[in-house]
Amino acid sequence: MTGTGLAMTAAKFSPHTFLLEKYQDMVAYYQNSQPVELPKELSQKCVKCMDLLNLSDTHRKLVKPFSVFGYDLFHAGSTSSKYGVLIGIPVNFTYKSLEDVEKQDVQVNGKPLDLTTEVGKKLGEAIILPEKVKDFAICREILMAQNSKIIFQSTFPFVSIFLVYNMAQYLNRRLNLYAAHANVRVVLYSLLGLFGLGTYFLCQDMSEVHYETVADKKLTELGVDFIESGVIFYEKLLQRNQALRELMGKEGERKYTKLGNENYGIRQPHLALVHRKQFFEEKLKELQNLRQNESEEFSEGIQETI
C-alpha cells in the first residue's frame, strides 16, 4: 500500500517536474507533425506580463511560454521547482478580427464554423480577445503557477491511501472482522474506498479553488484596467461556452450549462465562471462608488471654499 501511494504521488508530481518537457509535447499545438513556435508578439506579451507582476529574475528564467492546443490557456509546473513553469498560450491570442477566425478554419465537432449564423458569429467574437484582456489572462496563468500547489496536491493520493488502509486495519482488529465472512470485509473496504476517493477529490478541489481565488484577488490589485479586463475575459468565456453548448448538441448540453459554466456533476474542481466574473464586477462597482464619493467630497469642498 505504501508503494501504491508513492507511485500515485509520483504520477501526480512527475509531469510537473522532471517530465515537464514530455508534458509539453503532449499538449502542444502541432501543424504538419511539428510543434508550432509561439509568435514573437506573444512571447513579448508574456515578458510584459512578467513585468506587470514584478517577477524576480530567478522566476523569470523559469517561465517558458509555448503554443498550446485548443482555445484554453494552460499552466504546469511551479516557480517553487527548478524545472520551471509552462505557460500555454492558445492560437486565438493571435486573432484580431473575424477574418482571422475564418482563415484559421475553426471547426466544432469536425464541422467548419459558419460565421454567417448567429451562434457561429457569437463563438467567433467570443474567442477574439482585446489586448488588455490577453495580458490579464496570461498574468492569471503565471500567478496560478507562482505557488507550491503541485507539491501539496501531489501528497493527496498518498494521504488518502494511507488513511483508508489504516482505518481498515483498525476496524478489522477492533471488530474482529478477520473472523467474519469475507463479504463483510468486502463491504467495509468498498465503503472505505469511497471515503478515501471522496477525501482525495475534496482536498484536490478545495486546493484548486483556493489558488484560483488567490490569483483573482491578486489580479484586482493590479489596477482598474485589470478589473475591467477580468469582467470581459470571463464574459467571453461564458459566451464561448454558451455558443459551444448550442453547436455541439447533446454533448454540449452535458459539458456546459445555459449560463456557460462547465458541468462537473457533484464535484467543483474549479470556481464557476459566473462567480469569477461576478467577483470582478463587484470590485469594479466598489471602485466606481469610491471614485464617485471622492468626486462628491471634492465638489463639496470647493463649494465650501467659495
C-alpha atoms as a PDB file:
ATOM      1  CA  MET A   1       0.000   0.000   0.000  1.00  0.00           C
ATOM      2  CA  THR A   2       2.895   2.334   0.716  1.00  0.00           C
ATOM      3  CA  GLY A   3       4.320   1.538  -2.722  1.00  0.00           C
ATOM      4  CA  THR A   4       0.956   2.207  -4.364  1.00  0.00           C
ATOM      5  CA  GLY A   5       0.626   5.529  -2.567  1.00  0.00           C
ATOM      6  CA  LEU A   6       4.123   6.601  -3.575  1.00  0.00           C
ATOM      7  CA  ALA A   7       3.501   5.525  -7.178  1.00  0.00           C
ATOM      8  CA  MET A   8       0.321   7.615  -7.373  1.00  0.00           C
ATOM      9  CA  THR A   9       2.121  10.570  -5.816  1.00  0.00           C
ATOM     10  CA  ALA A  10       4.903  10.213  -8.394  1.00  0.00           C
ATOM     11  CA  ALA A  11       2.310  10.051 -11.196  1.00  0.00           C
ATOM     12  CA  LYS A  12       0.879  13.348  -9.968  1.00  0.00           C
ATOM     13  CA  PHE A  13       4.219  15.032  -9.299  1.00  0.00           C
ATOM     14  CA  SER A  14       6.429  13.951 -12.206  1.00  0.00           C
ATOM     15  CA  PRO A  15       4.550  15.650 -15.110  1.00  0.00           C
ATOM     16  CA  HIS A  16       5.089  18.994 -13.361  1.00  0.00           C
ATOM     17  CA  THR A  17       8.797  18.439 -12.622  1.00  0.00           C
ATOM     18  CA  PHE A  18      11.290  16.141 -14.347  1.00  0.00           C
ATOM     19  CA  LEU A  19       8.754  15.091 -17.025  1.00  0.00           C
ATOM     20  CA  LEU A  20       7.660  18.661 -17.720  1.00  0.00           C
ATOM     21  CA  GLU A  21       9.052  18.670 -21.266  1.00  0.00           C
ATOM     22  CA  LYS A  22       7.210  15.436 -22.065  1.00  0.00           C
ATOM     23  CA  TYR A  23       4.041  17.023 -20.721  1.00  0.00           C
ATOM     24  CA  GLN A  24       4.601  19.982 -23.046  1.00  0.00           C
ATOM     25  CA  ASP A  25       4.954  17.632 -26.012  1.00  0.00           C
ATOM     26  CA  MET A  26       1.552  16.116 -25.186  1.00  0.00           C
ATOM     27  CA  VAL A  27      -0.392  19.397 -25.010  1.00  0.00           C
ATOM     28  CA  ALA A  28       1.478  21.496 -27.600  1.00  0.00           C
ATOM     29  CA  TYR A  29      -0.168  22.814 -30.762  1.00  0.00           C
ATOM     30  CA  TYR A  30       1.065  20.924 -33.838  1.00  0.00           C
ATOM     31  CA  GLN A  31       0.973  21.599 -37.561  1.00  0.00           C
ATOM     32  CA  ASN A  32       2.381  19.114 -40.061  1.00  0.00           C
ATOM     33  CA  SER A  33       3.504  16.922 -37.144  1.00  0.00           C
ATOM     34  CA  GLN A  34       5.691  19.715 -35.794  1.00  0.00           C
ATOM     35  CA  PRO A  35       5.053  21.893 -32.708  1.00  0.00           C
ATOM     36  CA  VAL A  36       4.086  25.429 -33.705  1.00  0.00           C
ATOM     37  CA  GLU A  37       6.503  28.063 -32.483  1.00  0.00           C
ATOM     38  CA  LEU A  38       4.967  30.769 -30.319  1.00  0.00           C
ATOM     39  CA  PRO A  39       4.714  34.048 -32.295  1.00  0.00           C
ATOM     40  CA  LYS A  40       7.201  36.711 -31.267  1.00  0.00           C
ATOM     41  CA  GLU A  41       4.344  39.070 -30.419  1.00  0.00           C
ATOM     42  CA  LEU A  42       3.022  36.657 -27.783  1.00  0.00           C
ATOM     43  CA  SER A  43       6.485  35.971 -26.394  1.00  0.00           C
ATOM     44  CA  GLN A  44       6.932  39.709 -25.883  1.00  0.00           C
ATOM     45  CA  LYS A  45       3.478  39.904 -24.289  1.00  0.00           C
ATOM     46  CA  CYS A  46       4.493  37.196 -21.826  1.00  0.00           C
ATOM     47  CA  VAL A  47       7.577  39.247 -20.903  1.00  0.00           C
ATOM     48  CA  LYS A  48       5.336  42.288 -20.447  1.00  0.00           C
ATOM     49  CA  CYS A  49       3.077  40.282 -18.100  1.00  0.00           C
ATOM     50  CA  MET A  50       6.084  39.248 -16.019  1.00  0.00           C
ATOM     51  CA  ASP A  51       6.964  42.943 -15.743  1.00  0.00           C
ATOM     52  CA  LEU A  52       3.428  43.746 -14.590  1.00  0.00           C
ATOM     53  CA  LEU A  53       3.671  41.049 -11.932  1.00  0.00           C
ATOM     54  CA  ASN A  54       7.132  42.220 -10.839  1.00  0.00           C
ATOM     55  CA  LEU A  55       8.587  38.740 -11.153  1.00  0.00           C
ATOM     56  CA  SER A  56      12.124  38.303  -9.863  1.00  0.00           C
ATOM     57  CA  ASP A  57      14.927  37.441 -12.289  1.00  0.00           C
ATOM     58  CA  THR A  58      15.021  33.918 -10.863  1.00  0.00           C
ATOM     59  CA  HIS A  59      11.329  33.295 -11.554  1.00  0.00           C
ATOM     60  CA  ARG A  60      11.514  34.922 -14.991  1.00  0.00           C
ATOM     61  CA  LYS A  61      14.038  32.336 -16.113  1.00  0.00           C
ATOM     62  CA  LEU A  62      11.686  29.559 -15.031  1.00  0.00           C
ATOM     63  CA  VAL A  63       8.679  30.705 -17.099  1.00  0.00           C
ATOM     64  CA  LYS A  64       8.514  29.079 -20.557  1.00  0.00           C
ATOM     65  CA  PRO A  65       5.636  30.174 -22.841  1.00  0.00           C
ATOM     66  CA  PHE A  66       4.597  27.935 -25.752  1.00  0.00           C
ATOM     67  CA  SER A  67       1.705  27.346 -28.178  1.00  0.00           C
ATOM     68  CA  VAL A  68      -0.874  25.060 -26.605  1.00  0.00           C
ATOM     69  CA  PHE A  69      -3.536  23.007 -28.368  1.00  0.00           C
ATOM     70  CA  GLY A  70      -7.136  24.216 -28.119  1.00  0.00           C
ATOM     71  CA  TYR A  71      -8.564  27.561 -27.040  1.00  0.00           C
ATOM     72  CA  ASP A  72      -7.862  27.470 -23.302  1.00  0.00           C
ATOM     73  CA  LEU A  73      -4.761  28.734 -21.554  1.00  0.00           C
ATOM     74  CA  PHE A  74      -2.591  26.161 -19.812  1.00  0.00           C
ATOM     75  CA  HIS A  75      -0.097  26.088 -16.979  1.00  0.00           C
ATOM     76  CA  ALA A  76       2.062  23.347 -15.499  1.00  0.00           C
ATOM     77  CA  GLY A  77       4.970  23.215 -13.088  1.00  0.00           C
ATOM     78  CA  SER A  78       5.762  25.646 -10.330  1.00  0.00           C
ATOM     79  CA  THR A  79       8.101  28.527  -9.605  1.00  0.00           C
ATOM     80  CA  SER A  80       8.993  26.567  -6.463  1.00  0.00           C
ATOM     81  CA  SER A  81      10.601  23.905  -8.670  1.00  0.00           C
ATOM     82  CA  LYS A  82      13.904  24.116 -10.522  1.00  0.00           C
ATOM     83  CA  TYR A  83      12.219  22.501 -13.551  1.00  0.00           C
ATOM     84  CA  GLY A  84      10.276  25.676 -14.268  1.00  0.00           C
ATOM     85  CA  VAL A  85       6.801  26.642 -15.410  1.00  0.00           C
ATOM     86  CA  LEU A  86       4.987  26.061 -18.695  1.00  0.00           C
ATOM     87  CA  ILE A  87       2.532  28.729 -19.833  1.00  0.00           C
ATOM     88  CA  GLY A  88       0.455  27.533 -22.768  1.00  0.00           C
ATOM     89  CA  ILE A  89      -0.993  30.279 -24.962  1.00  0.00           C
ATOM     90  CA  PRO A  90      -3.704  29.220 -27.470  1.00  0.00           C
ATOM     91  CA  VAL A  91      -3.825  30.205 -31.118  1.00  0.00           C
ATOM     92  CA  ASN A  92      -6.822  32.530 -30.682  1.00  0.00           C
ATOM     93  CA  PHE A  93      -4.488  35.011 -28.935  1.00  0.00           C
ATOM     94  CA  THR A  94      -3.252  35.868 -32.449  1.00  0.00           C
ATOM     95  CA  TYR A  95      -6.770  36.677 -33.710  1.00  0.00           C
ATOM     96  CA  LYS A  96      -7.597  40.325 -34.363  1.00  0.00           C
ATOM     97  CA  SER A  97     -10.900  40.017 -36.242  1.00  0.00           C
ATOM     98  CA  LEU A  98     -13.434  37.527 -37.566  1.00  0.00           C
ATOM     99  CA  GLU A  99     -11.349  37.300 -40.753  1.00  0.00           C
ATOM    100  CA  ASP A 100      -8.567  35.676 -38.735  1.00  0.00           C
ATOM    101  CA  VAL A 101     -11.063  33.160 -37.330  1.00  0.00           C
ATOM    102  CA  GLU A 102     -12.232  32.359 -40.853  1.00  0.00           C
ATOM    103  CA  LYS A 103      -8.647  31.913 -42.112  1.00  0.00           C
ATOM    104  CA  GLN A 104      -7.871  29.533 -39.251  1.00  0.00           C
ATOM    105  CA  ASP A 105     -10.692  27.218 -40.386  1.00  0.00           C
ATOM    106  CA  VAL A 106     -12.097  26.719 -36.886  1.00  0.00           C
ATOM    107  CA  GLN A 107     -14.121  23.514 -36.516  1.00  0.00           C
ATOM    108  CA  VAL A 108     -16.651  22.312 -33.943  1.00  0.00           C
ATOM    109  CA  ASN A 109     -17.239  18.546 -33.781  1.00  0.00           C
ATOM    110  CA  GLY A 110     -15.423  18.148 -37.096  1.00  0.00           C
ATOM    111  CA  LYS A 111     -17.607  20.711 -38.892  1.00  0.00           C
ATOM    112  CA  PRO A 112     -16.337  24.130 -40.087  1.00  0.00           C
ATOM    113  CA  LEU A 113     -17.619  27.071 -38.074  1.00  0.00           C
ATOM    114  CA  ASP A 114     -20.209  29.039 -40.044  1.00  0.00           C
ATOM    115  CA  LEU A 115     -19.659  32.684 -39.135  1.00  0.00           C
ATOM    116  CA  THR A 116     -22.735  33.769 -41.077  1.00  0.00           C
ATOM    117  CA  THR A 117     -25.035  32.235 -38.450  1.00  0.00           C
ATOM    118  CA  GLU A 118     -25.849  33.993 -35.190  1.00  0.00           C
ATOM    119  CA  VAL A 119     -24.345  31.307 -32.968  1.00  0.00           C
ATOM    120  CA  GLY A 120     -21.290  30.952 -35.202  1.00  0.00           C
ATOM    121  CA  LYS A 121     -20.621  34.678 -35.067  1.00  0.00           C
ATOM    122  CA  LYS A 122     -21.119  34.608 -31.290  1.00  0.00           C
ATOM    123  CA  LEU A 123     -18.442  31.929 -30.948  1.00  0.00           C
ATOM    124  CA  GLY A 124     -16.108  33.757 -33.315  1.00  0.00           C
ATOM    125  CA  GLU A 125     -16.406  37.006 -31.381  1.00  0.00           C
ATOM    126  CA  ALA A 126     -16.017  35.183 -28.056  1.00  0.00           C
ATOM    127  CA  ILE A 127     -12.574  33.777 -28.942  1.00  0.00           C
ATOM    128  CA  ILE A 128     -11.259  37.177 -30.071  1.00  0.00           C
ATOM    129  CA  LEU A 129      -9.768  38.950 -27.064  1.00  0.00           C
ATOM    130  CA  PRO A 130      -8.716  42.605 -26.668  1.00  0.00           C
ATOM    131  CA  GLU A 131      -5.008  43.174 -25.958  1.00  0.00           C
ATOM    132  CA  LYS A 132      -5.567  44.157 -22.311  1.00  0.00           C
ATOM    133  CA  VAL A 133      -7.646  41.037 -21.765  1.00  0.00           C
ATOM    134  CA  LYS A 134      -4.837  38.909 -23.176  1.00  0.00           C
ATOM    135  CA  ASP A 135      -2.485  40.484 -20.624  1.00  0.00           C
ATOM    136  CA  PHE A 136      -4.954  39.636 -17.879  1.00  0.00           C
ATOM    137  CA  ALA A 137      -5.281  36.014 -18.995  1.00  0.00           C
ATOM    138  CA  ILE A 138      -1.524  35.391 -19.231  1.00  0.00           C
ATOM    139  CA  CYS A 139      -0.933  37.047 -15.846  1.00  0.00           C
ATOM    140  CA  ARG A 140      -3.593  34.784 -14.362  1.00  0.00           C
ATOM    141  CA  GLU A 141      -1.822  31.644 -15.598  1.00  0.00           C
ATOM    142  CA  ILE A 142       1.542  32.842 -14.288  1.00  0.00           C
ATOM    143  CA  LEU A 143       0.009  33.519 -10.875  1.00  0.00           C
ATOM    144  CA  MET A 144      -1.545  30.039 -10.839  1.00  0.00           C
ATOM    145  CA  ALA A 145       1.950  28.573 -11.131  1.00  0.00           C
ATOM    146  CA  GLN A 146       3.600  31.015  -8.721  1.00  0.00           C
ATOM    147  CA  ASN A 147       2.960  28.847  -5.676  1.00  0.00           C
ATOM    148  CA  SER A 148       3.574  25.381  -4.217  1.00  0.00           C
ATOM    149  CA  LYS A 149       0.254  23.958  -5.395  1.00  0.00           C
ATOM    150  CA  ILE A 150       1.713  20.927  -7.150  1.00  0.00           C
ATOM    151  CA  ILE A 151       3.685  19.921  -4.040  1.00  0.00           C
ATOM    152  CA  PHE A 152       0.559  19.927  -1.868  1.00  0.00           C
ATOM    153  CA  GLN A 153      -1.654  18.254  -4.470  1.00  0.00           C
ATOM    154  CA  SER A 154       0.913  15.502  -5.042  1.00  0.00           C
ATOM    155  CA  THR A 155       0.628  14.424  -1.414  1.00  0.00           C
ATOM    156  CA  PHE A 156      -3.149  13.950  -1.531  1.00  0.00           C
ATOM    157  CA  PRO A 157      -3.114  10.460  -3.193  1.00  0.00           C
ATOM    158  CA  PHE A 158      -0.656   9.098  -0.615  1.00  0.00           C
ATOM    159  CA  VAL A 159      -2.539  10.644   2.305  1.00  0.00           C
ATOM    160  CA  SER A 160      -5.870   9.216   1.086  1.00  0.00           C
ATOM    161  CA  ILE A 161      -4.493   5.697   0.597  1.00  0.00           C
ATOM    162  CA  PHE A 162      -2.618   5.780   3.902  1.00  0.00           C
ATOM    163  CA  LEU A 163      -5.761   6.950   5.709  1.00  0.00           C
ATOM    164  CA  VAL A 164      -8.005   4.274   4.175  1.00  0.00           C
ATOM    165  CA  TYR A 165      -5.515   1.452   4.772  1.00  0.00           C
ATOM    166  CA  ASN A 166      -5.001   2.331   8.435  1.00  0.00           C
ATOM    167  CA  MET A 167      -8.727   2.745   9.053  1.00  0.00           C
ATOM    168  CA  ALA A 168      -9.331  -0.690   7.534  1.00  0.00           C
ATOM    169  CA  GLN A 169      -6.640  -2.242   9.713  1.00  0.00           C
ATOM    170  CA  TYR A 170      -8.012  -0.595  12.835  1.00  0.00           C
ATOM    171  CA  LEU A 171     -11.618  -1.663  12.183  1.00  0.00           C
ATOM    172  CA  ASN A 172     -10.578  -5.220  11.330  1.00  0.00           C
ATOM    173  CA  ARG A 173      -8.824  -5.571  14.681  1.00  0.00           C
ATOM    174  CA  ARG A 174     -11.366  -3.585  16.697  1.00  0.00           C
ATOM    175  CA  LEU A 175     -14.383  -5.501  15.383  1.00  0.00           C
ATOM    176  CA  ASN A 176     -12.544  -8.809  14.814  1.00  0.00           C
ATOM    177  CA  LEU A 177     -13.620  -8.811  11.179  1.00  0.00           C
ATOM    178  CA  TYR A 178     -10.915 -11.290  10.188  1.00  0.00           C
ATOM    179  CA  ALA A 179     -13.087 -13.937  11.825  1.00  0.00           C
ATOM    180  CA  ALA A 180     -16.204 -12.742   9.983  1.00  0.00           C
ATOM    181  CA  HIS A 181     -17.336 -13.708   6.491  1.00  0.00           C
ATOM    182  CA  ALA A 182     -15.242 -12.301   3.618  1.00  0.00           C
ATOM    183  CA  ASN A 183     -18.257 -10.385   2.282  1.00  0.00           C
ATOM    184  CA  VAL A 184     -18.280  -8.258   5.448  1.00  0.00           C
ATOM    185  CA  ARG A 185     -14.727  -7.111   4.774  1.00  0.00           C
ATOM    186  CA  VAL A 186     -15.544  -6.507   1.098  1.00  0.00           C
ATOM    187  CA  VAL A 187     -18.359  -4.151   2.121  1.00  0.00           C
ATOM    188  CA  LEU A 188     -16.055  -2.416   4.611  1.00  0.00           C
ATOM    189  CA  TYR A 189     -13.279  -1.967   2.054  1.00  0.00           C
ATOM    190  CA  SER A 190     -15.757  -0.663  -0.524  1.00  0.00           C
ATOM    191  CA  LEU A 191     -17.113   1.946   1.869  1.00  0.00           C
ATOM    192  CA  LEU A 192     -13.633   2.985   2.978  1.00  0.00           C
ATOM    193  CA  GLY A 193     -12.508   3.134  -0.642  1.00  0.00           C
ATOM    194  CA  LEU A 194     -15.334   5.510  -1.496  1.00  0.00           C
ATOM    195  CA  PHE A 195     -14.478   7.564   1.576  1.00  0.00           C
ATOM    196  CA  GLY A 196     -10.810   7.748   0.522  1.00  0.00           C
ATOM    197  CA  LEU A 197     -11.749   8.719  -3.032  1.00  0.00           C
ATOM    198  CA  GLY A 198     -14.079  11.406  -1.729  1.00  0.00           C
ATOM    199  CA  THR A 199     -11.363  12.709   0.590  1.00  0.00           C
ATOM    200  CA  TYR A 200      -8.917  12.942  -2.307  1.00  0.00           C
ATOM    201  CA  PHE A 201     -11.339  14.810  -4.577  1.00  0.00           C
ATOM    202  CA  LEU A 202     -12.344  17.131  -1.736  1.00  0.00           C
ATOM    203  CA  CYS A 203      -8.732  18.071  -0.969  1.00  0.00           C
ATOM    204  CA  GLN A 204      -7.902  18.410  -4.675  1.00  0.00           C
ATOM    205  CA  ASP A 205     -10.889  20.622  -5.454  1.00  0.00           C
ATOM    206  CA  MET A 206     -10.531  22.777  -2.335  1.00  0.00           C
ATOM    207  CA  SER A 207      -6.875  23.486  -3.036  1.00  0.00           C
ATOM    208  CA  GLU A 208      -7.547  24.345  -6.692  1.00  0.00           C
ATOM    209  CA  VAL A 209     -10.415  26.687  -5.796  1.00  0.00           C
ATOM    210  CA  HIS A 210      -8.238  28.305  -3.109  1.00  0.00           C
ATOM    211  CA  TYR A 211      -5.409  29.102  -5.516  1.00  0.00           C
ATOM    212  CA  GLU A 212      -7.835  30.373  -8.166  1.00  0.00           C
ATOM    213  CA  THR A 213      -9.361  32.705  -5.574  1.00  0.00           C
ATOM    214  CA  VAL A 214      -5.921  33.953  -4.544  1.00  0.00           C
ATOM    215  CA  ALA A 215      -4.949  34.565  -8.189  1.00  0.00           C
ATOM    216  CA  ASP A 216      -8.107  36.580  -8.901  1.00  0.00           C
ATOM    217  CA  LYS A 217      -7.587  38.686  -5.771  1.00  0.00           C
ATOM    218  CA  LYS A 218      -4.001  39.464  -6.786  1.00  0.00           C
ATOM    219  CA  LEU A 219      -5.166  40.481 -10.260  1.00  0.00           C
ATOM    220  CA  THR A 220      -7.593  43.036  -8.796  1.00  0.00           C
ATOM    221  CA  GLU A 221      -4.641  44.641  -7.024  1.00  0.00           C
ATOM    222  CA  LEU A 222      -3.011  45.464 -10.379  1.00  0.00           C
ATOM    223  CA  GLY A 223      -5.422  48.308 -11.107  1.00  0.00           C
ATOM    224  CA  VAL A 224      -8.758  49.176 -12.651  1.00  0.00           C
ATOM    225  CA  ASP A 225      -7.663  48.046 -16.137  1.00  0.00           C
ATOM    226  CA  PHE A 226      -7.171  44.522 -14.856  1.00  0.00           C
ATOM    227  CA  ILE A 227     -10.508  44.554 -13.049  1.00  0.00           C
ATOM    228  CA  GLU A 228     -12.293  45.621 -16.235  1.00  0.00           C
ATOM    229  CA  SER A 229     -10.324  43.043 -18.227  1.00  0.00           C
ATOM    230  CA  GLY A 230     -11.392  40.360 -15.747  1.00  0.00           C
ATOM    231  CA  VAL A 231     -15.055  41.132 -16.375  1.00  0.00           C
ATOM    232  CA  ILE A 232     -14.537  40.979 -20.154  1.00  0.00           C
ATOM    233  CA  PHE A 233     -12.411  37.820 -20.022  1.00  0.00           C
ATOM    234  CA  TYR A 234     -14.908  35.769 -18.040  1.00  0.00           C
ATOM    235  CA  GLU A 235     -17.800  37.160 -20.064  1.00  0.00           C
ATOM    236  CA  LYS A 236     -16.010  35.981 -23.224  1.00  0.00           C
ATOM    237  CA  LEU A 237     -15.524  32.505 -21.733  1.00  0.00           C
ATOM    238  CA  LEU A 238     -19.196  32.301 -20.806  1.00  0.00           C
ATOM    239  CA  GLN A 239     -20.261  33.401 -24.296  1.00  0.00           C
ATOM    240  CA  ARG A 240     -17.912  30.858 -25.867  1.00  0.00           C
ATOM    241  CA  ASN A 241     -19.326  28.030 -23.765  1.00  0.00           C
ATOM    242  CA  GLN A 242     -22.906  29.099 -24.469  1.00  0.00           C
ATOM    243  CA  ALA A 243     -22.194  29.011 -28.198  1.00  0.00           C
ATOM    244  CA  LEU A 244     -20.463  25.629 -27.935  1.00  0.00           C
ATOM    245  CA  ARG A 245     -23.410  24.266 -25.965  1.00  0.00           C
ATOM    246  CA  GLU A 246     -25.674  25.076 -28.876  1.00  0.00           C
ATOM    247  CA  LEU A 247     -23.289  23.966 -31.626  1.00  0.00           C
ATOM    248  CA  MET A 248     -22.296  20.662 -30.003  1.00  0.00           C
ATOM    249  CA  GLY A 249     -25.825  19.427 -29.413  1.00  0.00           C
ATOM    250  CA  LYS A 250     -26.294  16.855 -26.641  1.00  0.00           C
ATOM    251  CA  GLU A 251     -22.571  16.739 -25.941  1.00  0.00           C
ATOM    252  CA  GLY A 252     -22.584  20.495 -25.423  1.00  0.00           C
ATOM    253  CA  GLU A 253     -25.538  20.239 -23.034  1.00  0.00           C
ATOM    254  CA  ARG A 254     -23.587  17.701 -20.969  1.00  0.00           C
ATOM    255  CA  LYS A 255     -20.453  19.857 -20.872  1.00  0.00           C
ATOM    256  CA  TYR A 256     -21.909  23.339 -20.351  1.00  0.00           C
ATOM    257  CA  THR A 257     -24.833  24.949 -18.551  1.00  0.00           C
ATOM    258  CA  LYS A 258     -27.149  27.520 -20.109  1.00  0.00           C
ATOM    259  CA  LEU A 259     -25.177  30.292 -18.383  1.00  0.00           C
ATOM    260  CA  GLY A 260     -21.884  28.998 -19.808  1.00  0.00           C
ATOM    261  CA  ASN A 261     -20.454  27.317 -16.715  1.00  0.00           C
ATOM    262  CA  GLU A 262     -18.777  23.943 -17.078  1.00  0.00           C
ATOM    263  CA  ASN A 263     -20.706  20.915 -15.798  1.00  0.00           C
ATOM    264  CA  TYR A 264     -18.737  18.926 -13.210  1.00  0.00           C
ATOM    265  CA  GLY A 265     -21.509  16.922 -11.558  1.00  0.00           C
ATOM    266  CA  ILE A 266     -21.143  16.754  -7.780  1.00  0.00           C
ATOM    267  CA  ARG A 267     -17.516  17.924  -7.875  1.00  0.00           C
ATOM    268  CA  GLN A 268     -16.293  21.524  -8.002  1.00  0.00           C
ATOM    269  CA  PRO A 269     -12.731  21.293  -9.383  1.00  0.00           C
ATOM    270  CA  HIS A 270     -12.765  24.973 -10.419  1.00  0.00           C
ATOM    271  CA  LEU A 271     -14.532  28.163  -9.443  1.00  0.00           C
ATOM    272  CA  ALA A 272     -17.659  28.716 -11.524  1.00  0.00           C
ATOM    273  CA  LEU A 273     -17.008  31.216 -14.323  1.00  0.00           C
ATOM    274  CA  VAL A 274     -20.152  33.144 -13.384  1.00  0.00           C
ATOM    275  CA  HIS A 275     -18.841  33.625  -9.836  1.00  0.00           C
ATOM    276  CA  ARG A 276     -15.401  34.702 -11.060  1.00  0.00           C
ATOM    277  CA  LYS A 277     -16.980  37.269 -13.360  1.00  0.00           C
ATOM    278  CA  GLN A 278     -19.247  38.466 -10.541  1.00  0.00           C
ATOM    279  CA  PHE A 279     -16.224  38.920  -8.267  1.00  0.00           C
ATOM    280  CA  PHE A 280     -14.598  41.348 -10.726  1.00  0.00           C
ATOM    281  CA  GLU A 281     -17.893  43.133 -11.351  1.00  0.00           C
ATOM    282  CA  GLU A 282     -18.277  43.740  -7.623  1.00  0.00           C
ATOM    283  CA  LYS A 283     -14.701  45.021  -7.367  1.00  0.00           C
ATOM    284  CA  LEU A 284     -15.311  47.356 -10.305  1.00  0.00           C
ATOM    285  CA  LYS A 285     -18.527  48.623  -8.725  1.00  0.00           C
ATOM    286  CA  GLU A 286     -16.737  49.247  -5.409  1.00  0.00           C
ATOM    287  CA  LEU A 287     -14.028  51.212  -7.187  1.00  0.00           C
ATOM    288  CA  GLN A 288     -16.564  53.285  -9.131  1.00  0.00           C
ATOM    289  CA  ASN A 289     -18.516  54.067  -5.943  1.00  0.00           C
ATOM    290  CA  LEU A 290     -15.290  55.080  -4.214  1.00  0.00           C
ATOM    291  CA  ARG A 291     -14.367  57.430  -7.051  1.00  0.00           C
ATOM    292  CA  GLN A 292     -17.865  58.899  -7.085  1.00  0.00           C
ATOM    293  CA  ASN A 293     -17.729  59.570  -3.332  1.00  0.00           C
ATOM    294  CA  GLU A 294     -14.309  61.186  -3.662  1.00  0.00           C
ATOM    295  CA  SER A 295     -15.588  63.350  -6.515  1.00  0.00           C
ATOM    296  CA  GLU A 296     -18.621  64.442  -4.488  1.00  0.00           C
ATOM    297  CA  GLU A 297     -16.452  65.253  -1.466  1.00  0.00           C
ATOM    298  CA  PHE A 298     -14.097  67.242  -3.676  1.00  0.00           C
ATOM    299  CA  SER A 299     -17.029  69.207  -5.170  1.00  0.00           C
ATOM    300  CA  GLU A 300     -18.448  69.916  -1.720  1.00  0.00           C
ATOM    301  CA  GLY A 301     -15.024  71.112  -0.557  1.00  0.00           C
ATOM    302  CA  ILE A 302     -14.763  73.562  -3.461  1.00  0.00           C
ATOM    303  CA  GLN A 303     -18.279  74.920  -2.814  1.00  0.00           C
ATOM    304  CA  GLU A 304     -17.480  75.461   0.880  1.00  0.00           C
ATOM    305  CA  THR A 305     -14.286  77.258  -0.076  1.00  0.00           C
ATOM    306  CA  ILE A 306     -16.189  79.520  -2.457  1.00  0.00           C
END
